[in-house]
Amino acid sequence: EFTSGVLSDFQLDSSASPCIDAGDPDALYYDPEDEPGLARWPAYGTVHNDMGAYGGPGAAFWLDGYTGVEKTVAGVEDGVSLIAGISVNPVFGIPEIIIFVDKSVSLEISIFDLCGRTAFSYSDTFSAGSHLLGAEELPPGVYLCRIRSAIESDTVRFTVVR
């Protein structure tokens, strides 16, 4: 069953929907965790994913107004699906970078100011699933966040205000 909610008129009814915890049982598709074993809103129930747009690891992108870049990176280990975003835009504190990959992939994440100076840089191999990376606090301004794999690169712009 659906209910009208903050995100849409077609959110799952938290008290009556048979779609809660009824998605793909593979742990790769679990909802982001809020409390141990419980899903973070807008998903409901346990971490077993809900059916529909607001369940699974991508549910994190509905939170707090993430500005996202959705990019499919082809050719990395037979194709890796990459979804990445910056926390609330404009950012009022420390920028948070959220990344979801369906296969392990090495990524380089860089934040640049508009003069091209590197304000933050991080490289790592990210395992399948969702990851939250806090960048350092930046002075007010407009920034570019570049996320790069071995063969693809994409950039999202965000603003820091105080």
N, C-alpha and C. Protein backbone atom coordinates (compact mmCIF):
# COMPACT_ATOMS: atom_id res chain seq x y z
N GLU A 1 0.84 -1.18 0.00
CA GLU A 1 0.00 0.00 0.00
C GLU A 1 0.88 1.24 0.00
N PHE A 2 0.36 2.31 -0.58
CA PHE A 2 1.09 3.57 -0.68
C PHE A 2 0.43 4.64 0.16
N THR A 3 1.21 5.67 0.45
CA THR A 3 0.70 6.82 1.17
C THR A 3 1.35 8.07 0.60
N SER A 4 0.73 9.20 0.77
CA SER A 4 1.32 10.47 0.35
C SER A 4 2.32 10.88 1.42
N GLY A 5 3.55 11.22 0.98
CA GLY A 5 4.58 11.58 1.94
C GLY A 5 5.43 12.72 1.47
N VAL A 6 6.51 12.97 2.17
CA VAL A 6 7.41 14.08 1.88
C VAL A 6 8.05 13.95 0.51
N LEU A 7 8.40 12.74 0.11
CA LEU A 7 9.11 12.53 -1.14
C LEU A 7 8.20 12.42 -2.35
N SER A 8 7.01 11.84 -2.17
CA SER A 8 6.07 11.69 -3.29
C SER A 8 4.71 11.27 -2.76
N ASP A 9 3.76 11.15 -3.68
CA ASP A 9 2.44 10.67 -3.33
C ASP A 9 2.39 9.14 -3.32
N PHE A 10 3.52 8.51 -3.63
CA PHE A 10 3.55 7.06 -3.75
C PHE A 10 4.65 6.43 -2.89
N GLN A 11 4.71 6.84 -1.63
CA GLN A 11 5.64 6.22 -0.70
C GLN A 11 4.98 5.00 -0.09
N LEU A 12 5.79 4.03 0.32
CA LEU A 12 5.23 2.86 0.98
C LEU A 12 4.60 3.26 2.30
N ASP A 13 3.48 2.64 2.63
CA ASP A 13 2.84 2.87 3.92
C ASP A 13 3.61 2.04 4.95
N SER A 14 4.27 2.71 5.89
CA SER A 14 5.16 2.04 6.85
C SER A 14 4.43 1.03 7.73
N SER A 15 3.12 1.14 7.84
CA SER A 15 2.40 0.23 8.73
C SER A 15 1.66 -0.88 7.99
N ALA A 16 1.53 -0.78 6.64
CA ALA A 16 0.68 -1.76 5.97
C ALA A 16 1.23 -2.34 4.67
N SER A 17 2.33 -1.84 4.16
CA SER A 17 2.78 -2.28 2.85
C SER A 17 3.48 -3.64 2.88
N PRO A 18 3.05 -4.56 2.00
CA PRO A 18 3.74 -5.85 1.90
C PRO A 18 5.08 -5.73 1.15
N CYS A 19 5.39 -4.56 0.62
CA CYS A 19 6.64 -4.34 -0.12
C CYS A 19 7.83 -4.08 0.80
N ILE A 20 7.56 -3.80 2.08
CA ILE A 20 8.65 -3.54 3.03
C ILE A 20 9.41 -4.83 3.28
N ASP A 21 10.74 -4.76 3.13
CA ASP A 21 11.65 -5.89 3.31
C ASP A 21 11.37 -7.04 2.33
N ALA A 22 10.72 -6.74 1.20
CA ALA A 22 10.35 -7.79 0.24
C ALA A 22 11.15 -7.72 -1.06
N GLY A 23 12.22 -6.93 -1.09
CA GLY A 23 13.03 -6.82 -2.30
C GLY A 23 14.03 -7.96 -2.41
N ASP A 24 14.99 -7.82 -3.31
CA ASP A 24 16.03 -8.83 -3.54
C ASP A 24 16.73 -9.15 -2.22
N PRO A 25 16.82 -10.43 -1.83
CA PRO A 25 17.40 -10.78 -0.54
C PRO A 25 18.93 -10.71 -0.49
N ASP A 26 19.60 -10.51 -1.62
CA ASP A 26 21.07 -10.43 -1.63
C ASP A 26 21.53 -9.24 -0.79
N ALA A 27 22.52 -9.45 0.07
CA ALA A 27 23.02 -8.39 0.96
C ALA A 27 23.54 -7.18 0.19
N LEU A 28 23.93 -7.35 -1.06
CA LEU A 28 24.38 -6.23 -1.88
C LEU A 28 23.30 -5.16 -2.00
N TYR A 29 22.04 -5.56 -1.90
CA TYR A 29 20.93 -4.64 -2.11
C TYR A 29 20.28 -4.17 -0.81
N TYR A 30 20.92 -4.42 0.33
CA TYR A 30 20.35 -4.00 1.61
C TYR A 30 20.17 -2.48 1.66
N ASP A 31 19.19 -2.05 2.46
CA ASP A 31 18.97 -0.63 2.71
C ASP A 31 20.11 -0.07 3.56
N PRO A 32 20.37 1.24 3.45
CA PRO A 32 21.34 1.85 4.38
C PRO A 32 20.83 1.66 5.81
N GLU A 33 21.75 1.47 6.74
CA GLU A 33 21.39 1.18 8.12
C GLU A 33 21.32 2.46 8.95
N ASP A 34 20.28 2.56 9.78
CA ASP A 34 20.13 3.69 10.69
C ASP A 34 20.60 3.27 12.08
N GLU A 35 19.87 2.36 12.66
CA GLU A 35 20.25 1.74 13.92
C GLU A 35 20.61 0.29 13.58
N PRO A 36 21.34 -0.40 14.43
CA PRO A 36 21.71 -1.78 14.09
C PRO A 36 20.51 -2.62 13.65
N GLY A 37 20.57 -3.10 12.40
CA GLY A 37 19.52 -3.95 11.87
C GLY A 37 18.29 -3.24 11.34
N LEU A 38 18.21 -1.91 11.50
CA LEU A 38 17.04 -1.17 11.04
C LEU A 38 17.40 -0.23 9.89
N ALA A 39 16.50 -0.12 8.92
CA ALA A 39 16.74 0.70 7.74
C ALA A 39 16.63 2.19 8.06
N ARG A 40 17.42 2.98 7.34
CA ARG A 40 17.37 4.43 7.45
C ARG A 40 16.28 4.95 6.52
N TRP A 41 15.49 5.89 6.99
CA TRP A 41 14.44 6.50 6.19
C TRP A 41 15.05 7.07 4.93
N PRO A 42 14.45 6.96 3.75
CA PRO A 42 13.05 6.65 3.47
C PRO A 42 12.73 5.16 3.35
N ALA A 43 13.70 4.26 3.52
CA ALA A 43 13.39 2.83 3.56
C ALA A 43 12.76 2.52 4.91
N TYR A 44 12.09 1.38 5.00
CA TYR A 44 11.42 0.99 6.23
C TYR A 44 11.85 -0.40 6.66
N GLY A 45 11.50 -0.78 7.88
CA GLY A 45 11.72 -2.13 8.37
C GLY A 45 13.17 -2.40 8.69
N THR A 46 13.60 -3.63 8.38
CA THR A 46 14.98 -4.03 8.62
C THR A 46 15.83 -3.58 7.42
N VAL A 47 17.09 -3.98 7.42
CA VAL A 47 17.97 -3.60 6.32
C VAL A 47 17.71 -4.39 5.04
N HIS A 48 16.89 -5.45 5.09
CA HIS A 48 16.50 -6.15 3.87
C HIS A 48 15.75 -5.13 3.01
N ASN A 49 16.14 -5.01 1.74
CA ASN A 49 15.62 -3.90 0.96
C ASN A 49 14.13 -3.97 0.69
N ASP A 50 13.54 -2.78 0.59
CA ASP A 50 12.14 -2.63 0.25
C ASP A 50 12.00 -2.66 -1.27
N MET A 51 10.86 -3.06 -1.75
CA MET A 51 10.58 -2.97 -3.18
C MET A 51 10.21 -1.51 -3.47
N GLY A 52 10.62 -1.01 -4.62
CA GLY A 52 10.26 0.35 -5.00
C GLY A 52 11.44 1.29 -5.00
N ALA A 53 11.16 2.53 -5.30
CA ALA A 53 12.21 3.54 -5.50
C ALA A 53 12.96 3.92 -4.23
N TYR A 54 12.37 3.71 -3.06
CA TYR A 54 12.98 4.20 -1.84
C TYR A 54 13.68 3.12 -1.03
N GLY A 55 13.88 1.94 -1.61
CA GLY A 55 14.57 0.86 -0.93
C GLY A 55 15.91 0.56 -1.58
N GLY A 56 16.71 -0.24 -0.91
CA GLY A 56 18.01 -0.64 -1.43
C GLY A 56 19.08 0.39 -1.12
N PRO A 57 20.33 0.11 -1.53
CA PRO A 57 21.44 1.00 -1.19
C PRO A 57 21.28 2.40 -1.77
N GLY A 58 20.59 2.54 -2.87
CA GLY A 58 20.36 3.86 -3.45
C GLY A 58 19.41 4.72 -2.65
N ALA A 59 18.75 4.15 -1.64
CA ALA A 59 17.83 4.93 -0.80
C ALA A 59 18.54 6.09 -0.13
N ALA A 60 19.83 5.96 0.09
CA ALA A 60 20.60 7.03 0.73
C ALA A 60 20.54 8.31 -0.09
N PHE A 61 20.34 8.21 -1.41
CA PHE A 61 20.33 9.39 -2.26
C PHE A 61 19.06 10.21 -2.13
N TRP A 62 18.04 9.67 -1.48
CA TRP A 62 16.82 10.43 -1.26
C TRP A 62 16.95 11.28 0.00
N LEU A 63 18.02 11.07 0.76
CA LEU A 63 18.18 11.74 2.05
C LEU A 63 18.81 13.10 1.89
N ASP A 64 18.36 14.05 2.63
CA ASP A 64 19.01 15.34 2.80
C ASP A 64 19.33 16.08 1.51
N GLY A 65 18.61 15.83 0.46
CA GLY A 65 18.80 16.60 -0.77
C GLY A 65 20.14 16.41 -1.44
N TYR A 66 20.65 15.19 -1.50
CA TYR A 66 21.92 14.95 -2.16
C TYR A 66 21.86 15.42 -3.60
N THR A 67 22.93 16.07 -4.04
CA THR A 67 23.08 16.44 -5.43
C THR A 67 23.87 15.32 -6.06
N GLY A 68 23.31 14.62 -6.99
CA GLY A 68 23.95 13.41 -7.45
C GLY A 68 24.46 13.45 -8.87
N VAL A 69 25.40 12.59 -9.12
CA VAL A 69 25.89 12.31 -10.45
C VAL A 69 25.66 10.82 -10.62
N GLU A 70 24.88 10.44 -11.60
CA GLU A 70 24.70 9.02 -11.86
C GLU A 70 25.47 8.70 -13.11
N LYS A 71 26.35 7.75 -13.01
CA LYS A 71 27.26 7.46 -14.11
C LYS A 71 27.45 5.95 -14.19
N THR A 72 27.29 5.39 -15.37
CA THR A 72 27.63 4.00 -15.57
C THR A 72 29.00 3.95 -16.20
N VAL A 73 29.93 3.32 -15.52
CA VAL A 73 31.30 3.24 -16.00
C VAL A 73 31.45 1.89 -16.69
N ALA A 74 31.57 1.90 -18.00
CA ALA A 74 31.67 0.66 -18.76
C ALA A 74 33.13 0.24 -18.89
N GLY A 75 33.37 -1.05 -18.95
CA GLY A 75 34.70 -1.57 -19.22
C GLY A 75 35.55 -1.82 -17.99
N VAL A 76 35.12 -1.43 -16.82
CA VAL A 76 35.87 -1.71 -15.60
C VAL A 76 35.31 -3.01 -15.03
N GLU A 77 36.08 -4.06 -15.07
CA GLU A 77 35.63 -5.38 -14.60
C GLU A 77 34.25 -5.72 -15.17
N ASP A 78 34.14 -5.67 -16.49
CA ASP A 78 32.89 -5.98 -17.21
C ASP A 78 31.78 -4.99 -16.90
N GLY A 79 32.11 -3.80 -16.48
CA GLY A 79 31.10 -2.77 -16.25
C GLY A 79 30.75 -2.61 -14.79
N VAL A 80 30.94 -1.43 -14.27
CA VAL A 80 30.62 -1.12 -12.88
C VAL A 80 29.60 0.00 -12.88
N SER A 81 28.51 -0.17 -12.17
CA SER A 81 27.54 0.89 -12.03
C SER A 81 27.97 1.78 -10.87
N LEU A 82 28.15 3.06 -11.13
CA LEU A 82 28.61 4.01 -10.13
C LEU A 82 27.58 5.11 -9.97
N ILE A 83 27.14 5.34 -8.75
CA ILE A 83 26.27 6.46 -8.43
C ILE A 83 26.99 7.23 -7.34
N ALA A 84 27.13 8.54 -7.52
CA ALA A 84 27.84 9.34 -6.53
C ALA A 84 27.12 10.67 -6.34
N GLY A 85 27.28 11.26 -5.18
CA GLY A 85 26.64 12.54 -4.91
C GLY A 85 27.32 13.28 -3.79
N ILE A 86 27.02 14.56 -3.70
CA ILE A 86 27.52 15.44 -2.65
C ILE A 86 26.36 15.71 -1.70
N SER A 87 26.66 15.76 -0.40
CA SER A 87 25.62 16.03 0.58
C SER A 87 24.94 17.36 0.28
N VAL A 88 23.96 17.68 1.04
CA VAL A 88 23.12 18.85 0.83
C VAL A 88 23.85 19.96 0.07
N ASN A 89 23.24 20.43 -0.98
CA ASN A 89 23.83 21.50 -1.77
C ASN A 89 22.87 22.68 -1.74
N PRO A 90 23.25 23.80 -1.15
CA PRO A 90 24.59 24.15 -0.72
C PRO A 90 24.98 23.45 0.59
N VAL A 91 26.29 23.29 0.77
CA VAL A 91 26.86 22.64 1.95
C VAL A 91 27.07 23.70 3.03
N PHE A 92 26.65 23.39 4.26
CA PHE A 92 26.82 24.32 5.37
C PHE A 92 27.93 23.89 6.33
N GLY A 93 28.46 22.72 6.14
CA GLY A 93 29.51 22.21 7.02
C GLY A 93 30.55 21.49 6.20
N ILE A 94 30.85 20.27 6.60
CA ILE A 94 31.82 19.46 5.88
C ILE A 94 31.11 18.71 4.76
N PRO A 95 31.59 18.84 3.52
CA PRO A 95 30.96 18.11 2.41
C PRO A 95 31.05 16.61 2.63
N GLU A 96 29.97 15.91 2.39
CA GLU A 96 29.96 14.46 2.45
C GLU A 96 29.76 13.93 1.04
N ILE A 97 30.58 12.98 0.67
CA ILE A 97 30.50 12.36 -0.65
C ILE A 97 29.95 10.97 -0.43
N ILE A 98 28.84 10.66 -1.09
CA ILE A 98 28.26 9.33 -0.97
C ILE A 98 28.46 8.61 -2.30
N ILE A 99 28.89 7.37 -2.21
CA ILE A 99 29.22 6.58 -3.39
C ILE A 99 28.54 5.23 -3.27
N PHE A 100 27.93 4.79 -4.36
CA PHE A 100 27.39 3.43 -4.44
C PHE A 100 27.97 2.78 -5.69
N VAL A 101 28.58 1.62 -5.51
CA VAL A 101 29.07 0.83 -6.63
C VAL A 101 28.55 -0.59 -6.49
N ASP A 102 28.25 -1.23 -7.63
CA ASP A 102 27.74 -2.59 -7.56
C ASP A 102 28.85 -3.64 -7.66
N LYS A 103 30.07 -3.21 -7.94
CA LYS A 103 31.24 -4.09 -7.95
C LYS A 103 32.42 -3.30 -7.39
N SER A 104 33.41 -3.99 -6.91
CA SER A 104 34.61 -3.33 -6.38
C SER A 104 35.30 -2.53 -7.49
N VAL A 105 35.71 -1.30 -7.17
CA VAL A 105 36.36 -0.45 -8.16
C VAL A 105 37.28 0.54 -7.45
N SER A 106 38.40 0.85 -8.09
CA SER A 106 39.31 1.87 -7.56
C SER A 106 38.86 3.23 -8.07
N LEU A 107 38.73 4.18 -7.16
CA LEU A 107 38.28 5.53 -7.51
C LEU A 107 39.22 6.57 -6.91
N GLU A 108 39.34 7.66 -7.62
CA GLU A 108 40.05 8.84 -7.12
C GLU A 108 39.02 9.95 -7.02
N ILE A 109 38.90 10.54 -5.83
CA ILE A 109 37.94 11.62 -5.59
C ILE A 109 38.73 12.87 -5.29
N SER A 110 38.45 13.93 -6.04
CA SER A 110 39.16 15.20 -5.85
C SER A 110 38.15 16.33 -5.81
N ILE A 111 38.39 17.30 -4.93
CA ILE A 111 37.59 18.51 -4.89
C ILE A 111 38.51 19.67 -5.23
N PHE A 112 38.07 20.50 -6.20
CA PHE A 112 38.85 21.63 -6.66
C PHE A 112 38.07 22.92 -6.45
N ASP A 113 38.78 24.03 -6.16
CA ASP A 113 38.11 25.32 -6.16
C ASP A 113 38.07 25.80 -7.62
N LEU A 114 37.44 26.94 -7.87
CA LEU A 114 37.27 27.40 -9.25
C LEU A 114 38.57 27.90 -9.89
N CYS A 115 39.63 28.03 -9.09
CA CYS A 115 40.95 28.38 -9.64
C CYS A 115 41.73 27.12 -10.01
N GLY A 116 41.14 25.95 -9.78
CA GLY A 116 41.80 24.69 -10.12
C GLY A 116 42.68 24.12 -9.03
N ARG A 117 42.72 24.77 -7.85
CA ARG A 117 43.53 24.26 -6.75
C ARG A 117 42.82 23.07 -6.08
N THR A 118 43.59 22.05 -5.74
CA THR A 118 43.03 20.87 -5.08
C THR A 118 42.77 21.20 -3.61
N ALA A 119 41.50 21.05 -3.20
CA ALA A 119 41.12 21.31 -1.81
C ALA A 119 41.01 20.01 -1.02
N PHE A 120 40.82 18.89 -1.73
CA PHE A 120 40.66 17.59 -1.08
C PHE A 120 40.94 16.52 -2.12
N SER A 121 41.61 15.45 -1.69
CA SER A 121 41.89 14.34 -2.60
C SER A 121 41.89 13.04 -1.81
N TYR A 122 41.31 12.00 -2.41
CA TYR A 122 41.24 10.69 -1.75
C TYR A 122 41.19 9.61 -2.82
N SER A 123 41.99 8.59 -2.67
CA SER A 123 41.98 7.44 -3.58
C SER A 123 41.85 6.17 -2.77
N ASP A 124 41.04 5.24 -3.27
CA ASP A 124 40.87 3.97 -2.58
C ASP A 124 40.15 3.00 -3.50
N THR A 125 40.15 1.74 -3.11
CA THR A 125 39.34 0.74 -3.78
C THR A 125 38.08 0.57 -2.94
N PHE A 126 36.94 0.83 -3.56
CA PHE A 126 35.66 0.77 -2.87
C PHE A 126 35.01 -0.57 -3.17
N SER A 127 34.62 -1.30 -2.13
CA SER A 127 33.94 -2.58 -2.30
C SER A 127 32.50 -2.32 -2.72
N ALA A 128 31.82 -3.35 -3.22
CA ALA A 128 30.43 -3.21 -3.63
C ALA A 128 29.60 -2.72 -2.45
N GLY A 129 28.71 -1.79 -2.70
CA GLY A 129 27.84 -1.25 -1.67
C GLY A 129 27.92 0.26 -1.62
N SER A 130 27.41 0.85 -0.54
CA SER A 130 27.42 2.30 -0.41
C SER A 130 28.47 2.73 0.60
N HIS A 131 29.06 3.89 0.34
CA HIS A 131 30.14 4.42 1.17
C HIS A 131 29.91 5.91 1.38
N LEU A 132 30.20 6.40 2.58
CA LEU A 132 30.09 7.82 2.90
C LEU A 132 31.47 8.32 3.27
N LEU A 133 31.92 9.36 2.58
CA LEU A 133 33.25 9.90 2.77
C LEU A 133 33.13 11.38 3.13
N GLY A 134 33.64 11.76 4.29
CA GLY A 134 33.62 13.16 4.70
C GLY A 134 34.88 13.85 4.21
N ALA A 135 34.71 14.95 3.48
CA ALA A 135 35.85 15.75 3.04
C ALA A 135 36.19 16.72 4.17
N GLU A 136 37.24 17.48 3.99
CA GLU A 136 37.59 18.47 5.01
C GLU A 136 36.70 19.70 4.87
N GLU A 137 36.64 20.48 5.95
CA GLU A 137 35.83 21.70 5.91
C GLU A 137 36.47 22.68 4.93
N LEU A 138 35.64 23.25 4.08
CA LEU A 138 36.11 24.15 3.04
C LEU A 138 35.60 25.56 3.30
N PRO A 139 36.35 26.59 2.91
CA PRO A 139 35.83 27.94 3.04
C PRO A 139 34.69 28.16 2.05
N PRO A 140 33.85 29.16 2.29
CA PRO A 140 32.74 29.43 1.37
C PRO A 140 33.24 29.59 -0.06
N GLY A 141 32.45 29.06 -1.00
CA GLY A 141 32.80 29.18 -2.41
C GLY A 141 32.15 28.09 -3.23
N VAL A 142 32.47 28.08 -4.51
CA VAL A 142 31.96 27.09 -5.45
C VAL A 142 33.09 26.09 -5.72
N TYR A 143 32.75 24.81 -5.72
CA TYR A 143 33.74 23.75 -5.88
C TYR A 143 33.27 22.74 -6.92
N LEU A 144 34.24 22.00 -7.43
CA LEU A 144 33.98 20.91 -8.35
C LEU A 144 34.49 19.63 -7.71
N CYS A 145 33.67 18.60 -7.69
CA CYS A 145 34.08 17.30 -7.17
C CYS A 145 34.19 16.36 -8.36
N ARG A 146 35.41 15.84 -8.58
CA ARG A 146 35.65 14.91 -9.69
C ARG A 146 35.81 13.51 -9.11
N ILE A 147 35.07 12.57 -9.68
CA ILE A 147 35.18 11.17 -9.31
C ILE A 147 35.68 10.44 -10.55
N ARG A 148 36.83 9.78 -10.40
CA ARG A 148 37.48 9.18 -11.56
C ARG A 148 37.86 7.72 -11.30
N SER A 149 37.54 6.87 -12.27
CA SER A 149 37.99 5.48 -12.26
C SER A 149 39.15 5.38 -13.24
N ALA A 150 39.59 4.17 -13.51
CA ALA A 150 40.71 3.97 -14.43
C ALA A 150 40.38 4.45 -15.84
N ILE A 151 39.09 4.42 -16.23
CA ILE A 151 38.76 4.79 -17.61
C ILE A 151 37.70 5.88 -17.76
N GLU A 152 37.05 6.28 -16.69
CA GLU A 152 35.99 7.28 -16.77
C GLU A 152 36.17 8.34 -15.70
N SER A 153 35.59 9.51 -15.96
CA SER A 153 35.64 10.60 -15.00
C SER A 153 34.35 11.39 -15.12
N ASP A 154 33.84 11.88 -14.00
CA ASP A 154 32.68 12.75 -14.02
C ASP A 154 32.81 13.77 -12.90
N THR A 155 32.16 14.91 -13.07
CA THR A 155 32.31 16.02 -12.14
C THR A 155 30.95 16.57 -11.76
N VAL A 156 30.80 16.97 -10.49
CA VAL A 156 29.59 17.63 -10.02
C VAL A 156 30.02 18.93 -9.31
N ARG A 157 29.23 19.98 -9.49
CA ARG A 157 29.52 21.27 -8.87
C ARG A 157 28.67 21.40 -7.60
N PHE A 158 29.27 22.03 -6.57
CA PHE A 158 28.53 22.31 -5.34
C PHE A 158 29.04 23.60 -4.73
N THR A 159 28.25 24.14 -3.80
CA THR A 159 28.57 25.41 -3.16
C THR A 159 28.67 25.23 -1.65
N VAL A 160 29.65 25.88 -1.04
CA VAL A 160 29.78 25.89 0.42
C VAL A 160 29.41 27.30 0.88
N VAL A 161 28.49 27.40 1.84
CA VAL A 161 28.07 28.69 2.39
C VAL A 161 28.19 28.65 3.91
N ARG A 162 28.26 29.81 4.52
CA ARG A 162 28.30 29.90 5.99
C ARG A 162 27.28 30.91 6.43
